[in-house]
């Protein structure tokens, strides 16, 4: 079985987190939550996601559906 590598990148100055499941060409699109963008390939497969204002999550969890 091939191992999946998940890439996490956090920018404390921008309070921004990016999580990538697959290293393919893609683009970000909006989700139902203003803090979260999902990265998808041309076929719509989810490659990862990004979250802004991560520090605001200290007091409550974030829940969002990726398509």
PDB file of N, CA and C in Angstrom:
ATOM      1  N   UNK A   1       0.840  -1.168   0.000  1.00  0.00           N
ATOM      2  CA  UNK A   1       0.000   0.000   0.000  1.00  0.00           C
ATOM      3  C   UNK A   1       0.892   1.241   0.000  1.00  0.00           C
ATOM      4  N   UNK A   2       0.566   2.200  -0.864  1.00  0.00           N
ATOM      5  CA  UNK A   2       1.326   3.435  -0.955  1.00  0.00           C
ATOM      6  C   UNK A   2       0.992   4.356   0.222  1.00  0.00           C
ATOM      7  N   UNK A   3       2.028   4.916   0.824  1.00  0.00           N
ATOM      8  CA  UNK A   3       1.815   5.842   1.935  1.00  0.00           C
ATOM      9  C   UNK A   3       1.344   7.180   1.404  1.00  0.00           C
ATOM     10  N   UNK A   4       0.397   7.793   2.106  1.00  0.00           N
ATOM     11  CA  UNK A   4      -0.073   9.138   1.785  1.00  0.00           C
ATOM     12  C   UNK A   4       0.690  10.119   2.650  1.00  0.00           C
ATOM     13  N   UNK A   5       1.178  11.165   2.061  1.00  0.00           N
ATOM     14  CA  UNK A   5       1.870  12.203   2.802  1.00  0.00           C
ATOM     15  C   UNK A   5       0.986  13.437   2.811  1.00  0.00           C
ATOM     16  N   UNK A   6       0.725  13.951   3.997  1.00  0.00           N
ATOM     17  CA  UNK A   6      -0.072  15.153   4.161  1.00  0.00           C
ATOM     18  C   UNK A   6       0.886  16.281   4.514  1.00  0.00           C
ATOM     19  N   UNK A   7       0.794  17.366   3.785  1.00  0.00           N
ATOM     20  CA  UNK A   7       1.666  18.518   4.028  1.00  0.00           C
ATOM     21  C   UNK A   7       0.873  19.569   4.806  1.00  0.00           C
ATOM     22  N   UNK A   8       1.436  20.025   5.927  1.00  0.00           N
ATOM     23  CA  UNK A   8       0.839  21.081   6.738  1.00  0.00           C
ATOM     24  C   UNK A   8       1.770  22.280   6.709  1.00  0.00           C
ATOM     25  N   UNK A   9       1.212  23.457   6.510  1.00  0.00           N
ATOM     26  CA  UNK A   9       2.005  24.667   6.528  1.00  0.00           C
ATOM     27  C   UNK A   9       1.239  25.738   7.279  1.00  0.00           C
ATOM     28  N   UNK A  10       1.869  26.338   8.283  1.00  0.00           N
ATOM     29  CA  UNK A  10       1.226  27.374   9.086  1.00  0.00           C
ATOM     30  C   UNK A  10       2.045  28.649   9.025  1.00  0.00           C
ATOM     31  N   UNK A  11       1.392  29.759   8.754  1.00  0.00           N
ATOM     32  CA  UNK A  11       2.019  31.077   8.739  1.00  0.00           C
ATOM     33  C   UNK A  11       1.483  31.844   9.938  1.00  0.00           C
ATOM     34  N   UNK A  12       2.277  31.936  11.031  1.00  0.00           N
ATOM     35  CA  UNK A  12       1.781  32.604  12.235  1.00  0.00           C
ATOM     36  C   UNK A  12       1.519  34.092  12.033  1.00  0.00           C
ATOM     37  N   UNK A  13       2.310  34.729  11.184  1.00  0.00           N
ATOM     38  CA  UNK A  13       2.117  36.161  10.939  1.00  0.00           C
ATOM     39  C   UNK A  13       0.777  36.424  10.240  1.00  0.00           C
ATOM     40  N   UNK A  14       0.434  35.575   9.289  1.00  0.00           N
ATOM     41  CA  UNK A  14      -0.832  35.723   8.572  1.00  0.00           C
ATOM     42  C   UNK A  14      -1.978  34.959   9.218  1.00  0.00           C
ATOM     43  N   UNK A  15      -1.675  34.166  10.275  1.00  0.00           N
ATOM     44  CA  UNK A  15      -2.666  33.333  10.961  1.00  0.00           C
ATOM     45  C   UNK A  15      -3.414  32.458   9.961  1.00  0.00           C
ATOM     46  N   UNK A  16      -2.620  31.705   9.173  1.00  0.00           N
ATOM     47  CA  UNK A  16      -3.111  30.954   8.018  1.00  0.00           C
ATOM     48  C   UNK A  16      -2.561  29.535   8.059  1.00  0.00           C
ATOM     49  N   UNK A  17      -3.416  28.544   7.867  1.00  0.00           N
ATOM     50  CA  UNK A  17      -3.013  27.137   7.823  1.00  0.00           C
ATOM     51  C   UNK A  17      -3.413  26.546   6.478  1.00  0.00           C
ATOM     52  N   UNK A  18      -2.481  25.813   5.867  1.00  0.00           N
ATOM     53  CA  UNK A  18      -2.795  25.109   4.626  1.00  0.00           C
ATOM     54  C   UNK A  18      -2.465  23.623   4.815  1.00  0.00           C
ATOM     55  N   UNK A  19      -3.391  22.765   4.423  1.00  0.00           N
ATOM     56  CA  UNK A  19      -3.226  21.314   4.500  1.00  0.00           C
ATOM     57  C   UNK A  19      -3.392  20.762   3.091  1.00  0.00           C
ATOM     58  N   UNK A  20      -2.392  20.004   2.635  1.00  0.00           N
ATOM     59  CA  UNK A  20      -2.431  19.436   1.289  1.00  0.00           C
ATOM     60  C   UNK A  20      -2.390  17.911   1.379  1.00  0.00           C
ATOM     61  N   UNK A  21      -3.353  17.264   0.729  1.00  0.00           N
ATOM     62  CA  UNK A  21      -3.428  15.797   0.696  1.00  0.00           C
ATOM     63  C   UNK A  21      -2.691  15.219  -0.506  1.00  0.00           C
ATOM     64  N   UNK A  22      -2.668  15.982  -1.596  1.00  0.00           N
ATOM     65  CA  UNK A  22      -2.097  15.489  -2.835  1.00  0.00           C
ATOM     66  C   UNK A  22      -1.424  16.637  -3.577  1.00  0.00           C
ATOM     67  N   UNK A  23      -0.237  16.395  -4.097  1.00  0.00           N
ATOM     68  CA  UNK A  23       0.523  17.441  -4.796  1.00  0.00           C
ATOM     69  C   UNK A  23       0.211  17.397  -6.280  1.00  0.00           C
ATOM     70  N   UNK A  24      -0.925  17.956  -6.632  1.00  0.00           N
ATOM     71  CA  UNK A  24      -1.345  18.062  -8.025  1.00  0.00           C
ATOM     72  C   UNK A  24      -1.690  19.516  -8.316  1.00  0.00           C
ATOM     73  N   UNK A  25      -1.746  19.834  -9.584  1.00  0.00           N
ATOM     74  CA  UNK A  25      -2.170  21.170  -9.986  1.00  0.00           C
ATOM     75  C   UNK A  25      -3.643  21.334  -9.628  1.00  0.00           C
ATOM     76  N   UNK A  26      -3.965  22.463  -9.032  1.00  0.00           N
ATOM     77  CA  UNK A  26      -5.345  22.711  -8.662  1.00  0.00           C
ATOM     78  C   UNK A  26      -5.576  24.175  -8.370  1.00  0.00           C
ATOM     79  N   UNK A  27      -6.748  24.456  -7.871  1.00  0.00           N
ATOM     80  CA  UNK A  27      -7.098  25.828  -7.541  1.00  0.00           C
ATOM     81  C   UNK A  27      -7.967  25.826  -6.284  1.00  0.00           C
ATOM     82  N   UNK A  28      -8.025  26.977  -5.624  1.00  0.00           N
ATOM     83  CA  UNK A  28      -8.835  27.112  -4.423  1.00  0.00           C
ATOM     84  C   UNK A  28     -10.218  27.626  -4.788  1.00  0.00           C
ATOM     85  N   UNK A  29     -11.225  27.088  -4.105  1.00  0.00           N
ATOM     86  CA  UNK A  29     -12.583  27.593  -4.268  1.00  0.00           C
ATOM     87  C   UNK A  29     -13.230  27.734  -2.896  1.00  0.00           C
ATOM     88  N   UNK A  30     -14.244  28.564  -2.833  1.00  0.00           N
ATOM     89  CA  UNK A  30     -14.920  28.861  -1.576  1.00  0.00           C
ATOM     90  C   UNK A  30     -15.686  27.652  -1.053  1.00  0.00           C
ATOM     91  N   UNK A  31     -15.894  27.646   0.255  1.00  0.00           N
ATOM     92  CA  UNK A  31     -16.754  26.659   0.906  1.00  0.00           C
ATOM     93  C   UNK A  31     -17.887  27.420   1.586  1.00  0.00           C
ATOM     94  N   UNK A  32     -18.709  26.711   2.340  1.00  0.00           N
ATOM     95  CA  UNK A  32     -19.805  27.347   3.064  1.00  0.00           C
ATOM     96  C   UNK A  32     -19.307  28.200   4.230  1.00  0.00           C
ATOM     97  N   UNK A  33     -18.043  28.044   4.601  1.00  0.00           N
ATOM     98  CA  UNK A  33     -17.461  28.793   5.709  1.00  0.00           C
ATOM     99  C   UNK A  33     -16.476  29.817   5.149  1.00  0.00           C
ATOM    100  N   UNK A  34     -16.627  31.088   5.544  1.00  0.00           N
ATOM    101  CA  UNK A  34     -15.769  32.156   5.027  1.00  0.00           C
ATOM    102  C   UNK A  34     -14.297  31.983   5.394  1.00  0.00           C
ATOM    103  N   UNK A  35     -13.998  31.196   6.410  1.00  0.00           N
ATOM    104  CA  UNK A  35     -12.611  30.982   6.842  1.00  0.00           C
ATOM    105  C   UNK A  35     -11.912  29.879   6.061  1.00  0.00           C
ATOM    106  N   UNK A  36     -12.654  29.065   5.330  1.00  0.00           N
ATOM    107  CA  UNK A  36     -12.081  27.868   4.705  1.00  0.00           C
ATOM    108  C   UNK A  36     -12.230  27.902   3.183  1.00  0.00           C
ATOM    109  N   UNK A  37     -11.124  27.594   2.509  1.00  0.00           N
ATOM    110  CA  UNK A  37     -11.119  27.403   1.058  1.00  0.00           C
ATOM    111  C   UNK A  37     -10.658  25.971   0.807  1.00  0.00           C
ATOM    112  N   UNK A  38     -11.248  25.317  -0.189  1.00  0.00           N
ATOM    113  CA  UNK A  38     -10.788  23.972  -0.526  1.00  0.00           C
ATOM    114  C   UNK A  38     -10.002  24.028  -1.830  1.00  0.00           C
ATOM    115  N   UNK A  39      -8.944  23.218  -1.892  1.00  0.00           N
ATOM    116  CA  UNK A  39      -8.146  23.128  -3.110  1.00  0.00           C
ATOM    117  C   UNK A  39      -8.593  21.886  -3.861  1.00  0.00           C
ATOM    118  N   UNK A  40      -8.938  22.065  -5.135  1.00  0.00           N
ATOM    119  CA  UNK A  40      -9.429  20.966  -5.950  1.00  0.00           C
ATOM    120  C   UNK A  40      -8.676  20.910  -7.272  1.00  0.00           C
ATOM    121  N   UNK A  41      -8.691  19.731  -7.898  1.00  0.00           N
ATOM    122  CA  UNK A  41      -8.107  19.607  -9.229  1.00  0.00           C
ATOM    123  C   UNK A  41      -9.181  19.942 -10.269  1.00  0.00           C
ATOM    124  N   UNK A  42      -8.833  19.827 -11.547  1.00  0.00           N
ATOM    125  CA  UNK A  42      -9.775  20.196 -12.617  1.00  0.00           C
ATOM    126  C   UNK A  42     -11.020  19.312 -12.639  1.00  0.00           C
ATOM    127  N   UNK A  43     -10.929  18.117 -12.040  1.00  0.00           N
ATOM    128  CA  UNK A  43     -12.080  17.208 -11.987  1.00  0.00           C
ATOM    129  C   UNK A  43     -12.912  17.410 -10.724  1.00  0.00           C
ATOM    130  N   UNK A  44     -12.476  18.320  -9.835  1.00  0.00           N
ATOM    131  CA  UNK A  44     -13.224  18.597  -8.619  1.00  0.00           C
ATOM    132  C   UNK A  44     -12.833  17.750  -7.425  1.00  0.00           C
ATOM    133  N   UNK A  45     -11.788  16.938  -7.554  1.00  0.00           N
ATOM    134  CA  UNK A  45     -11.316  16.126  -6.439  1.00  0.00           C
ATOM    135  C   UNK A  45     -10.594  17.013  -5.428  1.00  0.00           C
ATOM    136  N   UNK A  46     -10.880  16.845  -4.151  1.00  0.00           N
ATOM    137  CA  UNK A  46     -10.276  17.672  -3.109  1.00  0.00           C
ATOM    138  C   UNK A  46      -8.814  17.287  -2.923  1.00  0.00           C
ATOM    139  N   UNK A  47      -7.943  18.297  -3.030  1.00  0.00           N
ATOM    140  CA  UNK A  47      -6.502  18.110  -2.861  1.00  0.00           C
ATOM    141  C   UNK A  47      -6.018  18.628  -1.515  1.00  0.00           C
ATOM    142  N   UNK A  48      -6.846  19.458  -0.864  1.00  0.00           N
ATOM    143  CA  UNK A  48      -6.462  20.040   0.413  1.00  0.00           C
ATOM    144  C   UNK A  48      -7.400  21.166   0.779  1.00  0.00           C
ATOM    145  N   UNK A  49      -6.985  21.941   1.780  1.00  0.00           N
ATOM    146  CA  UNK A  49      -7.792  23.071   2.206  1.00  0.00           C
ATOM    147  C   UNK A  49      -6.915  24.089   2.918  1.00  0.00           C
ATOM    148  N   UNK A  50      -7.438  25.294   3.058  1.00  0.00           N
ATOM    149  CA  UNK A  50      -6.751  26.343   3.800  1.00  0.00           C
ATOM    150  C   UNK A  50      -7.738  26.990   4.763  1.00  0.00           C
ATOM    151  N   UNK A  51      -7.192  27.472   5.875  1.00  0.00           N
ATOM    152  CA  UNK A  51      -8.007  28.132   6.901  1.00  0.00           C
ATOM    153  C   UNK A  51      -7.344  29.448   7.256  1.00  0.00           C
ATOM    154  N   UNK A  52      -8.104  30.532   7.242  1.00  0.00           N
ATOM    155  CA  UNK A  52      -7.605  31.814   7.701  1.00  0.00           C
ATOM    156  C   UNK A  52      -8.135  32.078   9.104  1.00  0.00           C
ATOM    157  N   UNK A  53      -7.476  32.983   9.805  1.00  0.00           N
ATOM    158  CA  UNK A  53      -7.854  33.335  11.178  1.00  0.00           C
ATOM    159  C   UNK A  53      -7.887  32.097  12.077  1.00  0.00           C
ATOM    160  N   UNK A  54      -6.858  31.278  12.002  1.00  0.00           N
ATOM    161  CA  UNK A  54      -6.779  30.040  12.776  1.00  0.00           C
ATOM    162  C   UNK A  54      -6.839  30.324  14.278  1.00  0.00           C
ATOM    163  N   UNK A  55      -6.253  31.436  14.710  1.00  0.00           N
ATOM    164  CA  UNK A  55      -6.256  31.794  16.127  1.00  0.00           C
ATOM    165  C   UNK A  55      -7.652  31.978  16.704  1.00  0.00           C
ATOM    166  N   UNK A  56      -8.626  32.285  15.862  1.00  0.00           N
ATOM    167  CA  UNK A  56      -9.995  32.478  16.347  1.00  0.00           C
ATOM    168  C   UNK A  56     -10.670  31.161  16.713  1.00  0.00           C
ATOM    169  N   UNK A  57     -10.010  30.045  16.431  1.00  0.00           N
ATOM    170  CA  UNK A  57     -10.601  28.725  16.698  1.00  0.00           C
ATOM    171  C   UNK A  57     -10.322  28.233  18.113  1.00  0.00           C
ATOM    172  N   UNK A  58      -9.653  29.031  18.921  1.00  0.00           N
ATOM    173  CA  UNK A  58      -9.300  28.608  20.276  1.00  0.00           C
ATOM    174  C   UNK A  58     -10.518  28.252  21.114  1.00  0.00           C
ATOM    175  N   UNK A  59     -11.574  28.988  20.944  1.00  0.00           N
ATOM    176  CA  UNK A  59     -12.747  28.828  21.816  1.00  0.00           C
ATOM    177  C   UNK A  59     -13.878  28.000  21.227  1.00  0.00           C
ATOM    178  N   UNK A  60     -13.773  27.660  19.954  1.00  0.00           N
ATOM    179  CA  UNK A  60     -14.827  26.842  19.347  1.00  0.00           C
ATOM    180  C   UNK A  60     -14.268  26.079  18.151  1.00  0.00           C
ATOM    181  N   UNK A  61     -14.767  24.884  17.903  1.00  0.00           N
ATOM    182  CA  UNK A  61     -14.276  24.099  16.765  1.00  0.00           C
ATOM    183  C   UNK A  61     -14.826  24.634  15.453  1.00  0.00           C
ATOM    184  N   UNK A  62     -14.136  24.343  14.387  1.00  0.00           N
ATOM    185  CA  UNK A  62     -14.565  24.716  13.053  1.00  0.00           C
ATOM    186  C   UNK A  62     -15.100  23.477  12.359  1.00  0.00           C
ATOM    187  N   UNK A  63     -16.256  23.583  11.760  1.00  0.00           N
ATOM    188  CA  UNK A  63     -16.834  22.453  11.040  1.00  0.00           C
ATOM    189  C   UNK A  63     -17.219  22.922   9.646  1.00  0.00           C
ATOM    190  N   UNK A  64     -16.752  22.199   8.637  1.00  0.00           N
ATOM    191  CA  UNK A  64     -17.038  22.551   7.252  1.00  0.00           C
ATOM    192  C   UNK A  64     -17.060  21.276   6.416  1.00  0.00           C
ATOM    193  N   UNK A  65     -17.880  21.279   5.390  1.00  0.00           N
ATOM    194  CA  UNK A  65     -17.979  20.138   4.484  1.00  0.00           C
ATOM    195  C   UNK A  65     -17.173  20.421   3.244  1.00  0.00           C
ATOM    196  N   UNK A  66     -16.232  19.531   2.894  1.00  0.00           N
ATOM    197  CA  UNK A  66     -15.478  19.636   1.647  1.00  0.00           C
ATOM    198  C   UNK A  66     -16.178  18.772   0.622  1.00  0.00           C
ATOM    199  N   UNK A  67     -16.345  19.291  -0.565  1.00  0.00           N
ATOM    200  CA  UNK A  67     -17.124  18.573  -1.592  1.00  0.00           C
ATOM    201  C   UNK A  67     -16.348  17.546  -2.309  1.00  0.00           C
TER     202      UNK A  67
END
